[in-house]
Structure formats: structure tokens, C-alpha cells
N, C-alpha and C. Protein backbone atom coordinates (compact mmCIF):
# COMPACT_ATOMS: atom_id res chain seq x y z
N MET A 1 0.78 -1.10 0.13
CA MET A 1 0.00 0.06 0.03
C MET A 1 0.75 1.14 0.09
N SER A 2 0.44 2.34 -0.69
CA SER A 2 1.16 3.58 -0.76
C SER A 2 0.62 4.55 0.35
N ALA A 3 1.65 4.78 1.25
CA ALA A 3 1.12 5.69 2.28
C ALA A 3 1.67 7.08 2.24
N ARG A 4 1.12 8.03 2.60
CA ARG A 4 1.32 9.56 2.38
C ARG A 4 1.12 10.13 3.54
N LEU A 5 2.07 11.19 4.09
CA LEU A 5 1.76 11.72 5.30
C LEU A 5 1.87 13.30 4.78
N VAL A 6 0.74 14.04 5.55
CA VAL A 6 0.65 15.57 5.05
C VAL A 6 0.88 16.54 6.27
N VAL A 7 1.85 17.37 6.44
CA VAL A 7 1.83 18.08 7.53
C VAL A 7 1.14 19.43 7.37
N PHE A 8 0.01 19.77 7.93
CA PHE A 8 -0.59 21.21 7.74
C PHE A 8 0.18 21.97 8.54
N ALA A 9 0.63 23.27 7.87
CA ALA A 9 1.40 24.29 8.76
C ALA A 9 1.58 25.63 8.19
N ARG A 10 1.95 26.53 8.93
CA ARG A 10 2.29 27.83 8.43
C ARG A 10 3.55 28.34 8.57
N GLU A 11 4.05 29.24 8.01
CA GLU A 11 5.44 29.68 8.08
C GLU A 11 5.45 30.67 9.46
N PRO A 12 6.33 30.49 10.32
CA PRO A 12 6.08 31.16 11.67
C PRO A 12 6.43 32.43 11.83
N LEU A 13 5.58 33.27 11.24
CA LEU A 13 5.70 34.67 11.38
C LEU A 13 4.99 35.34 12.38
N ALA A 14 5.66 36.11 13.12
CA ALA A 14 5.11 36.90 14.28
C ALA A 14 3.77 37.34 13.72
N GLY A 15 2.79 37.32 14.37
CA GLY A 15 1.60 37.98 14.07
C GLY A 15 0.49 37.32 13.18
N ARG A 16 1.12 36.14 12.50
CA ARG A 16 0.40 35.40 11.67
C ARG A 16 0.14 33.97 12.16
N VAL A 17 0.77 33.21 13.30
CA VAL A 17 0.51 32.31 13.71
C VAL A 17 0.31 32.29 15.36
N LYS A 18 -0.36 31.37 15.74
CA LYS A 18 -0.83 31.27 17.30
C LYS A 18 -1.12 32.42 17.94
N THR A 19 -2.20 33.07 17.38
CA THR A 19 -2.73 34.38 17.82
C THR A 19 -3.27 34.46 19.24
N ARG A 20 -3.89 33.23 19.47
CA ARG A 20 -4.39 33.15 21.02
C ARG A 20 -3.23 32.85 21.99
N LEU A 21 -2.26 32.10 21.51
CA LEU A 21 -1.06 32.18 22.28
C LEU A 21 -0.68 33.52 22.59
N ALA A 22 -0.26 34.32 21.39
CA ALA A 22 0.39 35.69 21.52
C ALA A 22 -0.35 36.52 22.36
N ARG A 23 -1.76 36.36 22.72
CA ARG A 23 -2.34 37.14 23.72
C ARG A 23 -1.58 37.01 25.01
N GLY A 24 -0.99 35.84 25.36
CA GLY A 24 -0.30 35.74 26.70
C GLY A 24 1.18 35.75 26.65
N THR A 25 1.87 35.61 25.48
CA THR A 25 3.03 35.69 25.56
C THR A 25 3.83 36.77 24.63
N GLY A 26 3.02 37.36 23.73
CA GLY A 26 3.38 38.27 22.74
C GLY A 26 3.72 37.64 21.31
N ALA A 27 3.59 38.38 20.55
CA ALA A 27 3.61 37.69 19.04
C ALA A 27 4.90 37.14 18.69
N GLU A 28 6.11 37.63 19.19
CA GLU A 28 7.35 37.13 18.67
C GLU A 28 7.70 35.78 19.54
N ALA A 29 7.19 35.85 20.78
CA ALA A 29 7.44 34.48 21.49
C ALA A 29 6.50 33.26 20.80
N ALA A 30 5.25 33.94 20.36
CA ALA A 30 4.17 32.76 20.03
C ALA A 30 4.84 32.16 18.80
N ALA A 31 5.63 33.15 17.87
CA ALA A 31 6.04 32.73 16.51
C ALA A 31 7.26 31.53 17.00
N ALA A 32 7.94 31.98 17.97
CA ALA A 32 9.20 31.18 18.27
C ALA A 32 8.77 29.93 18.82
N VAL A 33 7.58 29.66 19.55
CA VAL A 33 7.08 28.64 19.98
C VAL A 33 6.68 27.71 18.94
N TYR A 34 5.96 28.31 17.94
CA TYR A 34 5.31 27.50 16.85
C TYR A 34 6.43 27.19 16.03
N SER A 35 7.50 27.89 15.76
CA SER A 35 8.58 27.46 15.04
C SER A 35 9.30 26.11 15.62
N ALA A 36 9.33 26.13 16.96
CA ALA A 36 9.69 24.74 17.76
C ALA A 36 8.86 23.84 17.52
N LEU A 37 7.70 23.85 17.65
CA LEU A 37 6.56 22.90 17.45
C LEU A 37 6.61 22.27 16.07
N LEU A 38 6.82 23.37 15.20
CA LEU A 38 6.75 22.85 13.65
C LEU A 38 8.18 21.74 13.14
N GLU A 39 9.17 22.44 14.06
CA GLU A 39 10.39 21.51 13.69
C GLU A 39 10.06 20.31 14.60
N HIS A 40 9.69 20.18 15.61
CA HIS A 40 9.50 18.94 16.34
C HIS A 40 8.42 17.78 15.29
N THR A 41 7.41 18.70 14.93
CA THR A 41 6.75 17.83 14.07
C THR A 41 7.12 17.15 12.73
N VAL A 42 7.90 17.88 12.22
CA VAL A 42 8.71 17.56 10.82
C VAL A 42 9.73 16.39 11.29
N ASP A 43 10.41 16.54 12.40
CA ASP A 43 11.41 15.68 12.96
C ASP A 43 10.64 14.23 13.20
N THR A 44 9.40 14.46 13.68
CA THR A 44 8.75 13.38 14.03
C THR A 44 8.25 12.48 12.84
N ALA A 45 7.78 13.35 11.95
CA ALA A 45 7.37 12.54 10.66
C ALA A 45 8.41 11.95 9.81
N ARG A 46 9.68 12.58 10.07
CA ARG A 46 10.76 12.04 9.34
C ARG A 46 11.20 10.60 10.12
N ALA A 47 11.04 10.63 11.44
CA ALA A 47 11.42 9.50 12.22
C ALA A 47 10.37 8.38 12.01
N ALA A 48 8.98 8.72 11.67
CA ALA A 48 8.32 7.61 11.38
C ALA A 48 8.38 6.90 10.24
N GLY A 49 9.20 7.25 9.23
CA GLY A 49 9.54 6.56 8.09
C GLY A 49 8.46 6.54 7.00
N ILE A 50 7.72 7.70 7.09
CA ILE A 50 6.61 7.76 6.06
C ILE A 50 6.87 9.01 5.23
N GLU A 51 6.74 8.89 4.00
CA GLU A 51 7.07 9.94 2.93
C GLU A 51 6.11 11.15 3.30
N ALA A 52 6.60 12.49 3.44
CA ALA A 52 5.78 13.56 3.99
C ALA A 52 5.92 14.62 3.01
N THR A 53 4.80 15.50 3.11
CA THR A 53 4.66 16.92 2.36
C THR A 53 4.42 17.76 3.19
N LEU A 54 4.76 18.86 3.23
CA LEU A 54 4.47 20.27 4.12
C LEU A 54 3.45 20.78 3.20
N SER A 55 2.35 21.04 3.81
CA SER A 55 1.17 21.59 3.19
C SER A 55 1.00 23.01 4.07
N LEU A 56 1.11 24.04 3.21
CA LEU A 56 1.15 25.54 3.79
C LEU A 56 0.02 26.22 3.76
N ALA A 57 -0.82 26.80 4.54
CA ALA A 57 -1.68 27.75 4.60
C ALA A 57 -1.72 28.93 3.40
N ALA A 58 -0.46 29.37 3.32
CA ALA A 58 -0.19 30.57 2.45
C ALA A 58 1.17 30.33 1.97
N ALA A 59 1.41 30.97 0.62
CA ALA A 59 2.69 30.75 0.24
C ALA A 59 3.86 31.45 1.16
N PRO A 60 4.73 30.61 1.15
CA PRO A 60 6.07 31.08 1.98
C PRO A 60 6.94 32.33 1.42
N THR A 61 7.53 32.89 2.25
CA THR A 61 8.69 33.79 1.89
C THR A 61 9.61 33.02 1.23
N ALA A 62 10.52 33.51 0.11
CA ALA A 62 11.63 32.69 -0.57
C ALA A 62 12.63 32.29 0.56
N ARG A 63 12.76 33.18 1.32
CA ARG A 63 13.97 32.79 2.11
C ARG A 63 13.69 31.54 3.09
N TRP A 64 12.43 31.61 3.67
CA TRP A 64 12.04 30.43 4.37
C TRP A 64 11.91 29.14 3.56
N ALA A 65 11.04 29.21 2.66
CA ALA A 65 11.08 28.22 1.54
C ALA A 65 12.51 27.57 1.08
N ALA A 66 13.48 28.48 1.04
CA ALA A 66 14.79 27.75 0.60
C ALA A 66 15.38 27.13 1.81
N GLU A 67 14.83 27.27 3.19
CA GLU A 67 15.51 26.39 4.16
C GLU A 67 14.78 25.32 4.54
N LEU A 68 13.68 24.75 3.65
CA LEU A 68 12.80 23.68 3.88
C LEU A 68 13.63 22.45 3.38
N ASP A 69 13.55 21.38 4.20
CA ASP A 69 14.19 20.39 3.80
C ASP A 69 12.99 19.10 3.68
N LEU A 70 11.72 19.59 3.66
CA LEU A 70 10.77 18.88 2.95
C LEU A 70 10.21 19.31 1.80
N PRO A 71 9.46 18.54 0.82
CA PRO A 71 8.78 19.20 -0.22
C PRO A 71 7.46 19.93 0.32
N PHE A 72 7.10 20.89 -0.12
CA PHE A 72 5.88 21.69 0.15
C PHE A 72 5.09 22.15 -0.84
N GLU A 73 3.67 22.36 -0.43
CA GLU A 73 2.56 22.82 -1.38
C GLU A 73 2.00 23.84 -0.77
N VAL A 74 1.03 24.61 -1.43
CA VAL A 74 0.25 25.76 -0.99
C VAL A 74 -1.12 25.14 -0.97
N GLN A 75 -1.96 25.07 0.22
CA GLN A 75 -2.98 24.76 0.41
C GLN A 75 -4.07 25.45 -0.61
N SER A 76 -5.42 24.59 -0.89
CA SER A 76 -6.34 25.33 -1.61
C SER A 76 -7.70 24.59 -1.36
N GLY A 77 -8.84 25.54 -1.27
CA GLY A 77 -10.13 24.67 -0.98
C GLY A 77 -10.94 25.42 0.13
N GLY A 78 -10.59 26.60 0.44
CA GLY A 78 -11.56 27.36 1.35
C GLY A 78 -11.08 27.39 2.76
N ASP A 79 -12.07 26.82 3.70
CA ASP A 79 -11.79 26.38 5.00
C ASP A 79 -11.11 25.39 5.24
N ILE A 80 -10.64 25.03 6.66
CA ILE A 80 -9.87 23.84 6.87
C ILE A 80 -10.40 22.63 6.50
N GLY A 81 -11.64 22.41 6.57
CA GLY A 81 -12.28 21.22 5.98
C GLY A 81 -12.29 21.20 4.61
N GLY A 82 -12.38 22.11 3.67
CA GLY A 82 -12.07 22.07 2.21
C GLY A 82 -10.63 21.91 2.04
N ARG A 83 -9.79 22.52 2.55
CA ARG A 83 -8.33 22.30 2.38
C ARG A 83 -8.09 20.89 2.79
N MET A 84 -8.62 20.42 3.62
CA MET A 84 -8.13 18.82 3.94
C MET A 84 -8.68 17.89 3.06
N ALA A 85 -10.06 18.23 2.62
CA ALA A 85 -10.67 17.37 1.62
C ALA A 85 -9.79 17.55 0.01
N GLU A 86 -9.47 18.66 -0.08
CA GLU A 86 -8.67 18.83 -1.23
C GLU A 86 -7.30 18.08 -1.18
N SER A 87 -6.66 18.03 -0.01
CA SER A 87 -5.38 17.52 0.25
C SER A 87 -5.61 15.67 -0.03
N PHE A 88 -6.55 15.41 0.62
CA PHE A 88 -7.00 13.81 0.44
C PHE A 88 -7.23 13.56 -1.00
N ASP A 89 -8.03 14.49 -1.75
CA ASP A 89 -8.24 14.08 -3.15
C ASP A 89 -7.11 13.93 -4.05
N ARG A 90 -6.19 14.88 -3.67
CA ARG A 90 -5.03 15.05 -4.47
C ARG A 90 -4.16 13.87 -4.43
N ARG A 91 -4.24 13.45 -3.21
CA ARG A 91 -3.12 12.20 -2.87
C ARG A 91 -3.84 10.85 -3.29
N PHE A 92 -4.92 10.79 -3.36
CA PHE A 92 -5.75 9.86 -3.98
C PHE A 92 -5.63 9.62 -5.35
N SER A 93 -5.74 10.84 -5.86
CA SER A 93 -5.66 10.83 -7.30
C SER A 93 -4.42 10.55 -8.04
N THR A 94 -3.42 10.69 -7.25
CA THR A 94 -1.94 10.30 -7.61
C THR A 94 -1.19 9.14 -7.22
N GLY A 95 -2.21 8.07 -6.73
CA GLY A 95 -1.70 6.89 -6.23
C GLY A 95 -1.46 6.33 -4.91
N SER A 96 -1.70 7.57 -3.89
CA SER A 96 -1.79 7.06 -2.49
C SER A 96 -2.98 6.44 -2.33
N ASP A 97 -2.86 5.08 -1.44
CA ASP A 97 -4.13 4.65 -1.04
C ASP A 97 -4.23 4.85 0.55
N ARG A 98 -3.39 5.26 1.53
CA ARG A 98 -3.55 5.74 2.69
C ARG A 98 -3.13 7.20 2.99
N VAL A 99 -3.71 7.87 3.32
CA VAL A 99 -3.20 9.20 3.66
C VAL A 99 -3.64 9.91 5.04
N VAL A 100 -2.61 10.32 5.65
CA VAL A 100 -2.75 10.86 7.19
C VAL A 100 -2.43 12.42 7.04
N ILE A 101 -3.32 13.30 7.67
CA ILE A 101 -2.96 14.79 7.78
C ILE A 101 -2.76 14.87 9.43
N ILE A 102 -1.69 15.61 9.59
CA ILE A 102 -1.27 16.14 11.02
C ILE A 102 -1.31 17.54 11.13
N GLY A 103 -1.65 18.05 12.22
CA GLY A 103 -1.35 19.41 12.41
C GLY A 103 0.13 19.60 12.85
N SER A 104 0.45 20.91 13.25
CA SER A 104 1.84 21.23 13.70
C SER A 104 1.94 21.95 14.90
N ASP A 105 1.03 21.75 15.81
CA ASP A 105 1.18 22.53 17.25
C ASP A 105 1.04 21.51 18.55
N ASN A 106 1.57 20.19 18.33
CA ASN A 106 1.40 19.09 19.26
C ASN A 106 2.73 18.83 19.84
N ALA A 107 2.87 19.18 21.12
CA ALA A 107 4.24 18.85 21.69
C ALA A 107 4.48 17.37 21.80
N ARG A 108 3.37 16.60 22.12
CA ARG A 108 3.49 15.13 22.66
C ARG A 108 3.50 14.22 21.41
N LEU A 109 3.50 14.77 20.22
CA LEU A 109 3.38 13.92 18.93
C LEU A 109 4.65 12.92 18.99
N GLN A 110 4.65 11.64 18.63
CA GLN A 110 5.68 10.70 18.64
C GLN A 110 5.40 10.06 17.37
N PRO A 111 6.57 9.43 16.99
CA PRO A 111 6.65 8.58 15.72
C PRO A 111 5.52 7.40 15.60
N ASP A 112 5.48 6.81 17.14
CA ASP A 112 4.42 5.75 17.13
C ASP A 112 3.06 6.28 16.92
N HIS A 113 2.65 7.31 17.08
CA HIS A 113 1.25 8.01 16.95
C HIS A 113 1.17 7.83 15.52
N ILE A 114 2.10 8.28 14.35
CA ILE A 114 1.84 8.35 13.14
C ILE A 114 1.99 6.69 12.59
N ARG A 115 2.59 6.18 13.18
CA ARG A 115 2.77 4.92 12.37
C ARG A 115 1.56 3.80 12.95
N SER A 116 0.89 4.09 14.08
CA SER A 116 -0.46 3.60 14.68
C SER A 116 -1.38 4.10 13.71
N ALA A 117 -1.37 5.39 13.14
CA ALA A 117 -2.55 5.81 12.24
C ALA A 117 -2.55 5.08 11.12
N PHE A 118 -1.34 4.83 10.37
CA PHE A 118 -1.35 3.89 9.16
C PHE A 118 -1.82 2.80 9.40
N ALA A 119 -1.27 1.98 10.58
CA ALA A 119 -1.57 0.59 10.72
C ALA A 119 -3.10 0.65 10.85
N ALA A 120 -3.78 1.63 11.42
CA ALA A 120 -5.24 1.46 11.76
C ALA A 120 -5.95 1.55 10.45
N LEU A 121 -5.41 2.34 9.69
CA LEU A 121 -6.03 2.34 8.07
C LEU A 121 -5.96 1.12 7.29
N GLU A 122 -5.24 -0.18 7.65
CA GLU A 122 -5.09 -1.23 7.07
C GLU A 122 -6.40 -1.98 7.42
N ASP A 123 -7.20 -1.52 8.53
CA ASP A 123 -8.43 -2.30 9.11
C ASP A 123 -9.57 -1.62 9.01
N LEU A 124 -9.56 -0.13 9.16
CA LEU A 124 -10.59 0.62 8.92
C LEU A 124 -10.50 1.89 8.11
N PRO A 125 -11.57 2.63 7.66
CA PRO A 125 -11.23 3.61 6.34
C PRO A 125 -10.83 4.96 7.03
N VAL A 126 -11.28 5.11 8.24
CA VAL A 126 -10.69 6.59 9.00
C VAL A 126 -10.17 6.36 10.38
N VAL A 127 -9.04 7.25 10.41
CA VAL A 127 -8.51 7.24 11.83
C VAL A 127 -8.76 8.66 12.17
N PHE A 128 -8.63 8.96 13.53
CA PHE A 128 -8.49 10.35 14.20
C PHE A 128 -7.67 10.43 15.26
N GLY A 129 -6.95 11.39 15.51
CA GLY A 129 -6.18 11.51 16.64
C GLY A 129 -6.71 12.67 17.63
N PRO A 130 -7.79 12.45 18.62
CA PRO A 130 -8.62 13.46 19.21
C PRO A 130 -7.69 14.48 19.81
N ALA A 131 -7.98 15.92 19.96
CA ALA A 131 -7.45 16.79 20.67
C ALA A 131 -8.15 17.15 22.01
N GLU A 132 -7.66 17.36 23.28
CA GLU A 132 -8.34 17.55 24.25
C GLU A 132 -9.45 18.80 24.15
N ASP A 133 -9.22 19.74 23.27
CA ASP A 133 -10.02 20.83 23.20
C ASP A 133 -11.44 20.45 22.10
N GLY A 134 -11.59 19.08 21.88
CA GLY A 134 -12.65 18.83 21.18
C GLY A 134 -12.51 18.77 19.56
N GLY A 135 -11.41 18.92 19.12
CA GLY A 135 -11.05 18.81 17.78
C GLY A 135 -10.27 17.54 17.48
N TYR A 136 -9.33 17.64 16.44
CA TYR A 136 -8.43 16.66 16.32
C TYR A 136 -7.09 17.23 15.79
N TRP A 137 -5.86 16.32 16.10
CA TRP A 137 -4.52 16.66 15.78
C TRP A 137 -4.24 15.86 14.60
N LEU A 138 -4.92 14.90 14.33
CA LEU A 138 -4.71 13.88 12.93
C LEU A 138 -6.02 13.39 12.55
N VAL A 139 -6.14 13.27 11.31
CA VAL A 139 -7.17 12.66 10.53
C VAL A 139 -6.44 11.98 9.34
N GLY A 140 -6.94 10.53 9.05
CA GLY A 140 -6.59 9.85 8.07
C GLY A 140 -7.69 9.02 7.30
N GLN A 141 -7.40 8.83 6.02
CA GLN A 141 -8.18 8.08 5.35
C GLN A 141 -7.72 6.90 4.31
N ARG A 142 -8.33 6.01 4.17
CA ARG A 142 -7.81 5.38 2.94
C ARG A 142 -8.55 5.35 1.89
N LEU A 143 -8.28 5.03 0.79
CA LEU A 143 -8.76 5.06 -0.69
C LEU A 143 -10.11 4.37 -0.68
N PRO A 144 -11.22 4.73 -1.22
CA PRO A 144 -11.23 6.13 -1.91
C PRO A 144 -11.60 7.13 -1.23
N GLY A 145 -11.66 7.33 0.26
CA GLY A 145 -11.86 8.59 1.11
C GLY A 145 -13.57 8.72 1.13
N ALA A 146 -13.94 9.61 1.86
CA ALA A 146 -15.34 10.17 1.95
C ALA A 146 -15.34 11.54 2.24
N ASP A 147 -16.54 12.07 2.12
CA ASP A 147 -16.58 13.43 2.47
C ASP A 147 -16.95 13.63 3.98
N LEU A 148 -16.06 13.77 4.58
CA LEU A 148 -16.10 13.73 6.28
C LEU A 148 -16.37 15.27 6.45
N PHE A 149 -16.06 16.03 5.99
CA PHE A 149 -16.21 17.40 6.71
C PHE A 149 -17.27 18.51 6.23
N THR A 150 -18.10 18.00 5.55
CA THR A 150 -19.23 19.06 5.27
C THR A 150 -20.17 19.06 6.49
N GLY A 151 -20.48 20.26 6.84
CA GLY A 151 -21.14 20.81 8.14
C GLY A 151 -20.50 20.67 9.36
N VAL A 152 -19.12 20.67 9.50
CA VAL A 152 -18.52 20.54 10.53
C VAL A 152 -17.99 21.87 11.02
N PRO A 153 -18.24 22.16 12.41
CA PRO A 153 -17.68 23.61 12.74
C PRO A 153 -16.31 23.54 13.24
N TRP A 154 -15.59 24.45 12.70
CA TRP A 154 -14.31 24.38 13.05
C TRP A 154 -13.73 25.45 14.10
N SER A 155 -12.66 24.79 15.10
CA SER A 155 -12.23 25.68 16.16
C SER A 155 -13.45 25.73 17.05
N SER A 156 -13.96 24.55 17.13
CA SER A 156 -14.97 24.35 18.22
C SER A 156 -14.90 23.17 18.96
N PRO A 157 -15.49 23.20 20.34
CA PRO A 157 -15.45 21.99 21.07
C PRO A 157 -16.28 20.89 20.63
N ASP A 158 -17.14 21.01 19.44
CA ASP A 158 -17.96 20.23 18.81
C ASP A 158 -17.39 19.46 17.61
N THR A 159 -16.22 19.96 17.21
CA THR A 159 -15.67 19.61 15.91
C THR A 159 -15.41 18.12 15.78
N LEU A 160 -14.91 17.39 16.63
CA LEU A 160 -14.80 15.88 16.58
C LEU A 160 -16.07 15.40 16.51
N GLU A 161 -16.83 15.63 17.56
CA GLU A 161 -18.20 14.95 17.83
C GLU A 161 -19.10 15.16 16.46
N THR A 162 -19.09 16.27 15.97
CA THR A 162 -19.87 16.49 14.73
C THR A 162 -19.37 15.80 13.73
N THR A 163 -17.99 15.59 13.52
CA THR A 163 -17.31 14.48 12.46
C THR A 163 -17.70 13.15 12.88
N ARG A 164 -17.74 12.79 14.22
CA ARG A 164 -18.22 11.34 14.42
C ARG A 164 -19.74 10.99 13.98
N GLU A 165 -20.64 12.04 14.11
CA GLU A 165 -21.92 12.01 13.71
C GLU A 165 -22.07 11.78 12.28
N ARG A 166 -21.26 12.61 11.63
CA ARG A 166 -21.40 12.51 10.18
C ARG A 166 -20.70 11.00 9.74
N LEU A 167 -19.89 10.46 10.31
CA LEU A 167 -19.31 9.16 9.91
C LEU A 167 -20.48 8.18 10.37
N ARG A 168 -21.27 8.41 11.50
CA ARG A 168 -22.35 7.36 11.77
C ARG A 168 -23.33 7.62 10.63
N ASN A 169 -23.73 8.67 10.33
CA ASN A 169 -24.85 8.78 9.35
C ASN A 169 -24.19 8.15 8.04
N LEU A 170 -22.87 8.16 7.65
CA LEU A 170 -22.55 7.54 6.35
C LEU A 170 -22.26 6.01 6.44
N GLU A 171 -22.23 5.73 7.84
CA GLU A 171 -22.25 4.29 8.06
C GLU A 171 -20.81 3.90 7.72
N ILE A 172 -19.88 4.72 8.31
CA ILE A 172 -18.56 4.45 8.00
C ILE A 172 -17.75 4.28 9.43
N SER A 173 -16.96 3.37 9.47
CA SER A 173 -16.35 2.87 10.90
C SER A 173 -15.07 3.69 11.13
N TRP A 174 -14.60 4.04 12.16
CA TRP A 174 -13.39 4.55 12.47
C TRP A 174 -12.44 4.30 13.50
N HIS A 175 -11.26 4.53 13.67
CA HIS A 175 -10.44 4.31 14.89
C HIS A 175 -9.97 5.63 15.54
N GLU A 176 -10.12 5.62 16.93
CA GLU A 176 -9.28 6.84 17.50
C GLU A 176 -7.98 6.52 18.29
N LEU A 177 -7.04 7.51 17.99
CA LEU A 177 -5.74 7.33 18.77
C LEU A 177 -5.86 7.97 20.09
N GLU A 178 -4.63 8.02 20.69
CA GLU A 178 -4.57 8.80 21.94
C GLU A 178 -5.22 10.15 21.82
N THR A 179 -5.82 10.61 22.94
CA THR A 179 -6.29 12.24 22.95
C THR A 179 -5.07 12.93 23.37
N LEU A 180 -4.61 13.86 22.83
CA LEU A 180 -3.40 14.81 23.04
C LEU A 180 -3.80 16.27 23.02
N PRO A 181 -3.05 17.00 23.80
CA PRO A 181 -3.42 18.50 23.89
C PRO A 181 -2.50 19.09 22.73
N ASP A 182 -3.20 20.20 22.32
CA ASP A 182 -2.52 21.13 21.45
C ASP A 182 -2.04 22.19 22.16
N VAL A 183 -1.10 22.96 21.69
CA VAL A 183 -0.55 23.98 22.36
C VAL A 183 -1.01 25.67 21.52
N ASP A 184 -2.40 26.05 22.19
CA ASP A 184 -2.96 27.06 21.59
C ASP A 184 -2.86 28.28 22.45
N THR A 185 -2.69 27.95 23.86
CA THR A 185 -2.90 29.33 24.70
C THR A 185 -1.53 29.10 25.62
N ALA A 186 -1.61 30.44 26.35
CA ALA A 186 -0.23 30.45 27.45
C ALA A 186 -0.42 29.18 28.32
N GLU A 187 -1.41 28.84 28.82
CA GLU A 187 -1.80 27.72 29.76
C GLU A 187 -1.30 26.51 29.13
N ASP A 188 -1.62 26.14 27.95
CA ASP A 188 -1.28 25.05 27.32
C ASP A 188 0.19 25.12 26.95
N LEU A 189 0.85 25.96 26.74
CA LEU A 189 2.45 26.13 26.75
C LEU A 189 3.09 25.86 28.13
N ARG A 190 2.44 26.47 29.26
CA ARG A 190 3.20 26.05 30.57
C ARG A 190 2.79 24.52 30.85
N ARG A 191 1.70 23.89 30.51
CA ARG A 191 1.66 22.57 30.72
C ARG A 191 2.66 21.77 29.88
N ALA A 192 2.77 22.29 28.49
CA ALA A 192 3.90 21.38 27.69
C ALA A 192 5.29 21.40 28.37
N ILE A 193 5.53 22.85 28.92
CA ILE A 193 6.94 22.82 29.42
C ILE A 193 7.06 21.96 30.56
N SER A 194 6.01 21.79 31.42
CA SER A 194 6.36 21.01 32.69
C SER A 194 5.89 19.52 32.37
N ASP A 195 5.60 18.99 31.21
CA ASP A 195 5.05 17.76 31.01
C ASP A 195 6.24 16.77 30.63
N PRO A 196 6.48 16.00 31.58
CA PRO A 196 7.63 14.78 31.35
C PRO A 196 7.40 14.07 29.92
N ARG A 197 6.17 13.79 29.48
CA ARG A 197 5.89 13.21 28.28
C ARG A 197 6.31 14.10 27.23
N VAL A 198 6.57 15.30 27.09
CA VAL A 198 7.11 15.98 26.22
C VAL A 198 8.76 15.90 26.16
N SER A 199 9.53 15.85 25.08
CA SER A 199 10.80 15.37 25.09
C SER A 199 11.59 16.60 25.98
N GLU A 200 12.71 16.26 26.46
CA GLU A 200 13.29 17.31 27.14
C GLU A 200 13.97 18.30 26.00
N ALA A 201 14.10 18.00 24.97
CA ALA A 201 14.76 19.04 24.09
C ALA A 201 13.74 19.92 23.64
N LEU A 202 12.57 19.39 23.40
CA LEU A 202 11.50 20.31 22.98
C LEU A 202 11.11 21.37 24.13
N ARG A 203 11.25 20.66 25.32
CA ARG A 203 10.69 21.61 26.51
C ARG A 203 11.75 22.78 26.69
N ARG A 204 13.10 22.51 26.24
CA ARG A 204 14.12 23.56 26.40
C ARG A 204 13.79 24.58 25.33
N LYS A 205 13.50 23.98 24.12
CA LYS A 205 13.20 24.99 23.10
C LYS A 205 12.15 26.02 23.54
N LEU A 206 11.04 25.40 23.88
CA LEU A 206 9.76 26.09 24.19
C LEU A 206 10.16 27.19 25.43
N THR A 207 11.01 26.75 26.35
CA THR A 207 11.42 27.68 27.46
C THR A 207 11.95 28.75 26.95
N SER A 208 13.21 28.47 26.04
CA SER A 208 13.93 29.25 25.47
C SER A 208 13.11 30.41 24.75
N ALA A 209 12.10 30.06 23.81
CA ALA A 209 11.25 30.94 23.23
C ALA A 209 10.63 32.01 24.14
N LEU A 210 10.30 31.64 25.30
CA LEU A 210 9.74 32.63 26.28
C LEU A 210 10.84 33.34 26.82
N THR A 211 11.88 32.83 27.18
CA THR A 211 12.99 33.51 27.80
C THR A 211 13.59 34.49 26.92
N ASP A 212 13.80 34.24 25.66
CA ASP A 212 14.28 35.26 24.58
C ASP A 212 13.51 36.24 24.47
N SER A 213 12.04 35.99 24.30
CA SER A 213 11.07 36.94 24.23
C SER A 213 11.18 38.21 25.27
N ASP A 214 11.43 37.82 26.52
CA ASP A 214 11.48 38.81 27.77
C ASP A 214 12.66 39.64 27.77
N ARG A 215 13.74 39.49 26.93
CA ARG A 215 15.06 40.15 27.03
C ARG A 215 14.76 41.44 26.43
């Protein structure tokens, strides 16, 4: 089976990423935190051993694009649901039969999470990584895919539950991975820094991002 991993991301520019986090840390610190989380996500994707593509919400600056060591594309399709649907369709139409999309703001993401998602797609057509805030940090499908996202409220405590209900209506079975927290607020960041399940290297980078912004 042909597996493909897609990392949804943004260029870590101050004022354009992690705006909720920035309300508690400042825009520069929020961008530095996001940069560390994105680096962690890319490193984790690489360690999982699955071919990956960086899918960007907007065209990157030439300087940042030149520094990337993953192939990248710019998303299309409207809201986040439309963009994920387009990403699935693009992969299925070019020969992939298992596709997983992950976000880029999860400090506890590990290679085994990604491997487990692809393994689940051998038995069931859909897999989710639930987030503590009611959304999901991962969603995967196998060929031919389904219209999962119509009518789903985004950035809502009901995002995942509404998607579950849509799957029930479509009579599609799914698997759920471990529930993990995203880093969206200053409180989320404090939790990540003190969480022993987050790698020591990442916790140092997150702490440094805050410390540097205070200088």
C-alpha cells in the first residue's frame, strides 16, 4: 500500500501564527514557540519513516522556503475542511491509498502515533487523533476516501463529535488514537513545558522561546 503523510502548517511569522497564544506571550514568542513545534512535527514525521509533504496555509517567503528540507505545497479549498478534503483528493488521485494529515502544534506527538494511524487504516477506513479541546490533531483516510467535513464546525468544542456523527450517518467505521493536547494558549504552553511526556529537547526550546522574548 502507498502511504502519504501531510503536515498542515504555516510559516512561523510573528502576528500570523498562534494568535491566541500571542495574547499571553506576545507575538514574537508565539512565533518562536510555533517554530519549535513545527520543527518537532517535521522531525517526528521523518522518524516515522513515512514519505511526508509540508502543506502550507499560504505561500512562504522565498528565504524560508529555501530552508525547508521537505517538499511543500500551498493549500487550496477554502476553510480547513475544504483544504483537508482537497489534500486527500490530491493524494488519492496520484496513487496514494492511505493518507494521514497532521497538525503542527502538538508537543507530545511521537513517531508511534503516526505509525499507529497508518496501521489503523489497514483495518478501518478512517482514523482520528482526538485533541483535548474537542478537535483533532490527526485525521487519516484510505482510498477512496469520504466526504468527512461537510457541516463540521471548525475551532469548536464540537468539531470531533460532529465529525463522528457524520461518520455514523455515512455508516463509516473509524479508529481513534490517544487524545493529546494542542498548544494554543499560554496555559497550554506552561503545561507542555512541565510535561515529562514532552521530550526534554522540545521543552528546552519552548522555554527558550519565552525567555528570549522577555529580554
